Amino acid sequence: MSMNTLVDQVEYDRWANLQMLDAVSKTRPETLTLQIGSSFPSIHETLVHILWAEELWLQRWQSLSNVPFPDPNNFPTLDALRRKLEEIHEQQIHYLKSLEHASADRVVGYVNFKGQRWEYSLRQMVQHLMVHSAYHRGQIATMLRQMGETPPMTDYLVFVDSKSA
């Protein structure tokens, strides 16, 4: 797998996360914080978790320390979430592009919150993040449906088609 493929995966993840934010922004204001319950109590807290994981894995790709879970109150609006998510996605893409000639299979180590050391290839870490974000976007889609809203299509091939349009 090439570094270009990893960049493509991160660009897809960015696009899908922003599609979800756009869909949520078109709903009633109370939709964001309504306590529905899933892995997290609300759409807002699920979005904050996605944001946190995006930053956490960026740090881990670079063998840096763990990022503490942010206080959801630090992101009171979708605009605040979007700005931070865009910043993180830009950093992810910049970092991966800086490794243009490196191997996607190079092993990267990090220490988790329990003090345990783990090592995975960069490719595996990026793929993990893509699956993680997709899982939680799926939860948000379900929460939106439970409120009578329509979630966006965030399939990878929809992303591919949007790039060629």
Protein backbone atom coordinates (compact mmCIF):
# COMPACT_ATOMS: atom_id res chain seq x y z
CA MET A 1 0.00 0.00 0.00
CA SER A 2 1.40 3.38 -0.98
CA MET A 3 1.46 6.56 1.04
CA ASN A 4 -0.88 8.01 -1.60
CA THR A 5 -3.43 5.36 -0.65
CA LEU A 6 -3.16 6.34 3.00
CA VAL A 7 -3.67 9.99 2.06
CA ASP A 8 -6.73 8.97 0.04
CA GLN A 9 -8.13 7.12 3.05
CA VAL A 10 -7.63 10.15 5.28
CA GLU A 11 -9.19 12.43 2.66
CA TYR A 12 -12.20 10.10 2.53
CA ASP A 13 -12.45 10.12 6.33
CA ARG A 14 -12.33 13.92 6.30
CA TRP A 15 -15.03 14.12 3.64
CA ALA A 16 -17.29 11.64 5.46
CA ASN A 17 -16.89 13.40 8.81
CA LEU A 18 -17.76 16.73 7.20
CA GLN A 19 -20.77 15.20 5.42
CA MET A 20 -22.04 14.07 8.81
CA LEU A 21 -21.44 17.50 10.35
CA ASP A 22 -23.30 19.12 7.43
CA ALA A 23 -26.26 16.77 7.92
CA VAL A 24 -26.41 17.42 11.66
CA SER A 25 -26.22 21.18 11.07
CA LYS A 26 -29.46 21.00 9.04
CA THR A 27 -31.43 19.44 11.90
CA ARG A 28 -33.25 21.05 14.77
CA PRO A 29 -30.83 22.63 17.29
CA GLU A 30 -31.85 20.22 20.08
CA THR A 31 -30.83 17.26 17.89
CA LEU A 32 -27.18 17.80 18.75
CA THR A 33 -27.50 17.33 22.50
CA LEU A 34 -30.59 15.14 22.81
CA GLN A 35 -29.73 12.22 25.09
CA ILE A 36 -30.48 9.20 22.89
CA GLY A 37 -27.71 6.89 23.96
CA SER A 38 -25.32 4.74 22.02
CA SER A 39 -21.62 4.44 22.78
CA PHE A 40 -22.02 8.08 23.83
CA PRO A 41 -25.18 9.80 25.11
CA SER A 42 -25.67 12.28 22.25
CA ILE A 43 -24.66 13.16 18.72
CA HIS A 44 -22.55 15.99 20.13
CA GLU A 45 -20.57 13.70 22.44
CA THR A 46 -20.13 11.16 19.64
CA LEU A 47 -18.74 13.87 17.36
CA VAL A 48 -16.36 15.01 20.11
CA HIS A 49 -15.20 11.40 20.47
CA ILE A 50 -14.53 11.17 16.71
CA LEU A 51 -12.58 14.44 16.88
CA TRP A 52 -10.54 13.17 19.83
CA ALA A 53 -9.70 9.87 18.12
CA GLU A 54 -8.63 11.69 14.96
CA GLU A 55 -6.15 13.74 16.99
CA LEU A 56 -5.07 10.81 19.17
CA TRP A 57 -4.14 8.64 16.18
CA LEU A 58 -2.35 11.50 14.45
CA GLN A 59 -0.20 11.78 17.57
CA ARG A 60 0.33 8.03 17.71
CA TRP A 61 1.38 7.93 14.03
CA GLN A 62 4.18 10.25 15.13
CA SER A 63 5.04 8.23 18.29
CA LEU A 64 3.88 11.17 20.43
CA SER A 65 2.07 11.15 23.75
CA ASN A 66 -1.62 10.52 24.26
CA VAL A 67 -4.20 13.24 23.84
CA PRO A 68 -6.59 13.57 26.80
CA PHE A 69 -10.29 13.34 25.99
CA PRO A 70 -11.54 16.91 25.49
CA ASP A 71 -14.33 18.44 27.49
CA PRO A 72 -17.36 18.45 25.15
CA ASN A 73 -18.15 21.94 26.51
CA ASN A 74 -15.03 23.18 24.69
CA PHE A 75 -16.96 22.56 21.47
CA PRO A 76 -20.36 24.13 22.16
CA THR A 77 -21.26 24.51 18.48
CA LEU A 78 -20.91 22.50 15.29
CA ASP A 79 -18.75 25.31 13.92
CA ALA A 80 -16.29 24.87 16.79
CA LEU A 81 -16.20 21.11 16.15
CA ARG A 82 -15.77 21.65 12.42
CA ARG A 83 -12.87 24.09 12.87
CA LYS A 84 -10.98 21.71 15.15
CA LEU A 85 -11.72 18.68 12.98
CA GLU A 86 -10.54 20.54 9.86
CA GLU A 87 -7.34 21.52 11.66
CA ILE A 88 -6.66 17.91 12.66
CA HIS A 89 -7.44 16.58 9.18
CA GLU A 90 -5.07 19.13 7.63
CA GLN A 91 -2.35 17.99 10.03
CA GLN A 92 -3.02 14.33 9.19
CA ILE A 93 -2.76 14.92 5.45
CA HIS A 94 0.31 17.13 5.83
CA TYR A 95 2.02 14.50 7.97
CA LEU A 96 1.29 11.63 5.59
CA LYS A 97 2.37 13.66 2.55
CA SER A 98 5.63 14.48 4.31
CA LEU A 99 6.31 10.73 4.35
CA GLU A 100 5.90 10.48 0.59
CA HIS A 101 8.92 8.18 0.12
CA ALA A 102 8.45 6.22 3.34
CA SER A 103 6.83 2.83 3.53
CA ALA A 104 3.24 2.62 4.67
CA ASP A 105 4.30 -0.62 6.37
CA ARG A 106 6.89 1.04 8.59
CA VAL A 107 6.28 0.13 12.20
CA VAL A 108 5.37 2.87 14.64
CA GLY A 109 5.32 2.45 18.40
CA TYR A 110 3.31 4.31 21.00
CA VAL A 111 2.37 3.99 24.66
CA ASN A 112 -1.34 3.79 25.43
CA PHE A 113 -3.19 5.30 28.40
CA LYS A 114 -2.43 2.22 30.52
CA GLY A 115 1.30 2.64 29.95
CA GLN A 116 1.48 -0.33 27.58
CA ARG A 117 3.67 -0.12 24.51
CA TRP A 118 2.11 -1.13 21.19
CA GLU A 119 3.56 -1.28 17.68
CA TYR A 120 1.70 -1.36 14.39
CA SER A 121 2.44 -0.36 10.85
CA LEU A 122 1.33 3.11 9.84
CA ARG A 123 -0.99 1.44 7.31
CA GLN A 124 -2.69 -0.55 10.09
CA MET A 125 -3.06 2.54 12.27
CA VAL A 126 -4.63 4.58 9.46
CA GLN A 127 -6.99 1.73 8.60
CA HIS A 128 -7.94 1.42 12.25
CA LEU A 129 -8.83 5.10 12.41
CA MET A 130 -10.92 4.86 9.24
CA VAL A 131 -12.94 1.95 10.65
CA HIS A 132 -13.27 3.66 14.04
CA SER A 133 -14.65 6.86 12.55
CA ALA A 134 -16.99 4.96 10.23
CA TYR A 135 -18.33 2.98 13.20
CA HIS A 136 -19.20 6.12 15.13
CA ARG A 137 -20.59 7.89 12.04
CA GLY A 138 -22.89 4.88 11.72
CA GLN A 139 -24.03 5.43 15.29
CA ILE A 140 -24.77 9.07 14.50
CA ALA A 141 -26.71 7.99 11.40
CA THR A 142 -28.82 5.70 13.59
CA MET A 143 -29.42 8.47 16.14
CA LEU A 144 -30.50 10.81 13.33
CA ARG A 145 -32.93 8.20 12.01
CA GLN A 146 -34.38 7.71 15.50
CA MET A 147 -35.16 11.44 15.50
CA GLY A 148 -36.82 11.31 12.09
CA GLU A 149 -33.86 12.87 10.28
CA THR A 150 -32.05 11.63 7.18
CA PRO A 151 -28.33 10.92 7.51
CA PRO A 152 -25.97 11.54 4.61
CA MET A 153 -24.50 8.88 2.35
CA THR A 154 -20.89 8.51 3.43
CA ASP A 155 -19.91 5.42 1.43
CA TYR A 156 -16.38 5.43 0.04
CA LEU A 157 -17.60 5.13 -3.55
CA VAL A 158 -19.83 8.19 -3.08
CA PHE A 159 -16.64 10.02 -2.07
CA VAL A 160 -14.85 8.71 -5.18
CA ASP A 161 -17.72 9.89 -7.38
CA SER A 162 -17.75 13.30 -5.67
CA LYS A 163 -14.05 13.76 -6.49
CA SER A 164 -14.60 13.07 -10.17
CA ALA A 165 -17.70 15.28 -10.45
